[in-house]
Amino acid sequence: MAIPRITKEELKAKMDKNEDLVIVDARAEDSYNLSNQKIKGSIRITLDELEKGIKNPPVGKEIITYCT
């Protein structure tokens, strides 16, 4: 199953429209800690946590993950 991708411009448009989103920052720990660029309102979940599954995923919200 292919996972759809969006551009940063599409994400910004969704945020500007106040769409009901959950933005997940899944970057590696070093990358996350050394970066001064984070999306406001995003939550930090490691890739290991994502692979294990989210215990209580948000219902009715679009979930967008990003990493580098």
N, C-alpha and C. Protein backbone atom coordinates (compact mmCIF):
# COMPACT_ATOMS: atom_id res chain seq x y z
N MET A 1 0.85 -1.19 0.00
CA MET A 1 0.00 0.00 0.00
C MET A 1 0.89 1.25 0.00
N ALA A 2 0.68 2.08 -0.96
CA ALA A 2 1.44 3.33 -1.06
C ALA A 2 0.90 4.34 -0.06
N ILE A 3 1.82 5.05 0.55
CA ILE A 3 1.44 6.10 1.49
C ILE A 3 1.47 7.42 0.73
N PRO A 4 0.38 8.17 0.75
CA PRO A 4 0.36 9.44 0.01
C PRO A 4 1.34 10.44 0.60
N ARG A 5 1.90 11.24 -0.25
CA ARG A 5 2.83 12.29 0.18
C ARG A 5 2.23 13.65 -0.13
N ILE A 6 2.60 14.63 0.66
CA ILE A 6 2.20 16.00 0.38
C ILE A 6 3.43 16.88 0.43
N THR A 7 3.36 18.01 -0.21
CA THR A 7 4.46 18.96 -0.19
C THR A 7 4.36 19.86 1.05
N LYS A 8 5.44 20.56 1.31
CA LYS A 8 5.40 21.50 2.44
C LYS A 8 4.38 22.61 2.18
N GLU A 9 4.19 22.95 0.91
CA GLU A 9 3.19 23.97 0.57
C GLU A 9 1.77 23.47 0.84
N GLU A 10 1.54 22.20 0.53
CA GLU A 10 0.22 21.61 0.81
C GLU A 10 -0.03 21.54 2.32
N LEU A 11 1.00 21.18 3.08
CA LEU A 11 0.85 21.14 4.54
C LEU A 11 0.57 22.54 5.07
N LYS A 12 1.30 23.52 4.59
CA LYS A 12 1.07 24.89 5.06
C LYS A 12 -0.36 25.34 4.75
N ALA A 13 -0.85 24.99 3.56
CA ALA A 13 -2.23 25.36 3.19
C ALA A 13 -3.23 24.72 4.15
N LYS A 14 -3.00 23.46 4.50
CA LYS A 14 -3.88 22.77 5.46
C LYS A 14 -3.84 23.46 6.82
N MET A 15 -2.63 23.82 7.25
CA MET A 15 -2.48 24.50 8.53
C MET A 15 -3.14 25.87 8.51
N ASP A 16 -2.97 26.60 7.41
CA ASP A 16 -3.58 27.93 7.27
C ASP A 16 -5.09 27.86 7.32
N LYS A 17 -5.67 26.75 6.85
CA LYS A 17 -7.13 26.56 6.86
C LYS A 17 -7.61 25.97 8.18
N ASN A 18 -6.68 25.78 9.12
CA ASN A 18 -6.99 25.19 10.43
C ASN A 18 -7.66 23.83 10.30
N GLU A 19 -7.19 23.03 9.34
CA GLU A 19 -7.72 21.68 9.21
C GLU A 19 -7.34 20.88 10.45
N ASP A 20 -8.14 19.90 10.78
CA ASP A 20 -7.94 19.08 11.97
C ASP A 20 -6.83 18.06 11.71
N LEU A 21 -5.59 18.44 12.04
CA LEU A 21 -4.41 17.63 11.75
C LEU A 21 -3.67 17.24 13.01
N VAL A 22 -2.98 16.13 12.93
CA VAL A 22 -1.97 15.77 13.92
C VAL A 22 -0.68 15.66 13.14
N ILE A 23 0.31 16.47 13.49
CA ILE A 23 1.59 16.45 12.79
C ILE A 23 2.60 15.75 13.69
N VAL A 24 3.18 14.68 13.17
CA VAL A 24 4.10 13.86 13.94
C VAL A 24 5.52 14.05 13.40
N ASP A 25 6.42 14.45 14.28
CA ASP A 25 7.84 14.59 13.95
C ASP A 25 8.50 13.26 14.29
N ALA A 26 8.92 12.51 13.27
CA ALA A 26 9.49 11.18 13.48
C ALA A 26 10.98 11.14 13.17
N ARG A 27 11.64 12.28 13.31
CA ARG A 27 13.08 12.32 13.02
C ARG A 27 13.86 11.53 14.06
N ALA A 28 15.05 11.09 13.64
CA ALA A 28 15.96 10.42 14.57
C ALA A 28 16.30 11.40 15.70
N GLU A 29 16.62 10.86 16.86
CA GLU A 29 16.85 11.68 18.05
C GLU A 29 17.89 12.77 17.82
N ASP A 30 19.04 12.42 17.26
CA ASP A 30 20.09 13.43 17.03
C ASP A 30 19.61 14.52 16.09
N SER A 31 18.96 14.13 15.02
CA SER A 31 18.45 15.10 14.05
C SER A 31 17.44 16.03 14.71
N TYR A 32 16.56 15.47 15.53
CA TYR A 32 15.56 16.27 16.22
C TYR A 32 16.22 17.23 17.22
N ASN A 33 17.12 16.70 18.04
CA ASN A 33 17.74 17.51 19.09
C ASN A 33 18.64 18.61 18.54
N LEU A 34 19.29 18.38 17.42
CA LEU A 34 20.21 19.36 16.87
C LEU A 34 19.53 20.39 15.97
N SER A 35 18.27 20.19 15.68
CA SER A 35 17.55 21.09 14.78
C SER A 35 16.89 22.23 15.55
N ASN A 36 16.96 23.40 14.95
CA ASN A 36 16.21 24.53 15.52
C ASN A 36 14.93 24.77 14.72
N GLN A 37 14.64 23.85 13.79
CA GLN A 37 13.43 23.97 12.98
C GLN A 37 12.48 22.84 13.32
N LYS A 38 11.36 23.21 13.89
CA LYS A 38 10.32 22.26 14.25
C LYS A 38 8.97 22.87 13.85
N ILE A 39 8.06 22.03 13.42
CA ILE A 39 6.74 22.53 13.04
C ILE A 39 5.94 22.80 14.31
N LYS A 40 5.48 24.01 14.45
CA LYS A 40 4.73 24.42 15.63
C LYS A 40 3.51 23.51 15.82
N GLY A 41 3.35 22.98 17.01
CA GLY A 41 2.21 22.13 17.33
C GLY A 41 2.43 20.65 17.02
N SER A 42 3.58 20.32 16.41
CA SER A 42 3.83 18.91 16.10
C SER A 42 4.14 18.15 17.39
N ILE A 43 3.93 16.83 17.33
CA ILE A 43 4.28 15.99 18.47
C ILE A 43 5.44 15.10 18.07
N ARG A 44 6.25 14.75 19.02
CA ARG A 44 7.44 13.95 18.77
C ARG A 44 7.14 12.49 19.05
N ILE A 45 7.26 11.64 18.04
CA ILE A 45 7.13 10.20 18.21
C ILE A 45 8.26 9.56 17.40
N THR A 46 9.05 8.72 18.05
CA THR A 46 10.17 8.10 17.36
C THR A 46 9.68 7.06 16.36
N LEU A 47 10.53 6.71 15.43
CA LEU A 47 10.18 5.69 14.45
C LEU A 47 9.89 4.36 15.13
N ASP A 48 10.66 4.03 16.17
CA ASP A 48 10.40 2.79 16.92
C ASP A 48 8.99 2.79 17.50
N GLU A 49 8.58 3.92 18.06
CA GLU A 49 7.24 4.02 18.62
C GLU A 49 6.18 3.88 17.53
N LEU A 50 6.44 4.48 16.37
CA LEU A 50 5.49 4.37 15.25
C LEU A 50 5.37 2.93 14.77
N GLU A 51 6.52 2.23 14.69
CA GLU A 51 6.51 0.85 14.22
C GLU A 51 5.75 -0.06 15.19
N LYS A 52 5.82 0.25 16.49
CA LYS A 52 5.10 -0.54 17.50
C LYS A 52 3.61 -0.23 17.47
N GLY A 53 3.27 0.93 16.95
CA GLY A 53 1.86 1.33 16.86
C GLY A 53 1.51 2.33 17.95
N ILE A 54 0.65 3.23 17.60
CA ILE A 54 0.18 4.24 18.56
C ILE A 54 -0.99 3.65 19.31
N LYS A 55 -0.91 3.66 20.64
CA LYS A 55 -1.94 3.02 21.46
C LYS A 55 -3.31 3.67 21.31
N ASN A 56 -3.35 4.97 21.30
CA ASN A 56 -4.62 5.69 21.19
C ASN A 56 -4.55 6.69 20.06
N PRO A 57 -4.65 6.21 18.81
CA PRO A 57 -4.54 7.16 17.70
C PRO A 57 -5.72 8.14 17.69
N PRO A 58 -5.46 9.36 17.27
CA PRO A 58 -6.54 10.34 17.21
C PRO A 58 -7.60 9.91 16.18
N VAL A 59 -8.84 10.08 16.54
CA VAL A 59 -9.94 9.68 15.67
C VAL A 59 -10.45 10.91 14.92
N GLY A 60 -10.68 10.76 13.64
CA GLY A 60 -11.26 11.84 12.85
C GLY A 60 -10.28 12.94 12.48
N LYS A 61 -8.99 12.69 12.66
CA LYS A 61 -7.99 13.69 12.30
C LYS A 61 -7.03 13.09 11.28
N GLU A 62 -6.58 13.92 10.38
CA GLU A 62 -5.56 13.50 9.43
C GLU A 62 -4.22 13.50 10.17
N ILE A 63 -3.47 12.43 10.02
CA ILE A 63 -2.17 12.31 10.66
C ILE A 63 -1.10 12.49 9.58
N ILE A 64 -0.22 13.44 9.81
CA ILE A 64 0.86 13.72 8.87
C ILE A 64 2.17 13.53 9.62
N THR A 65 3.03 12.68 9.06
CA THR A 65 4.35 12.46 9.68
C THR A 65 5.41 13.10 8.81
N TYR A 66 6.49 13.50 9.47
CA TYR A 66 7.63 13.99 8.70
C TYR A 66 8.92 13.61 9.39
N CYS A 67 9.95 13.45 8.58
CA CYS A 67 11.29 13.17 9.09
C CYS A 67 12.29 13.61 8.02
N THR A 68 13.55 13.61 8.38
CA THR A 68 14.60 13.95 7.42
C THR A 68 15.76 13.00 7.55
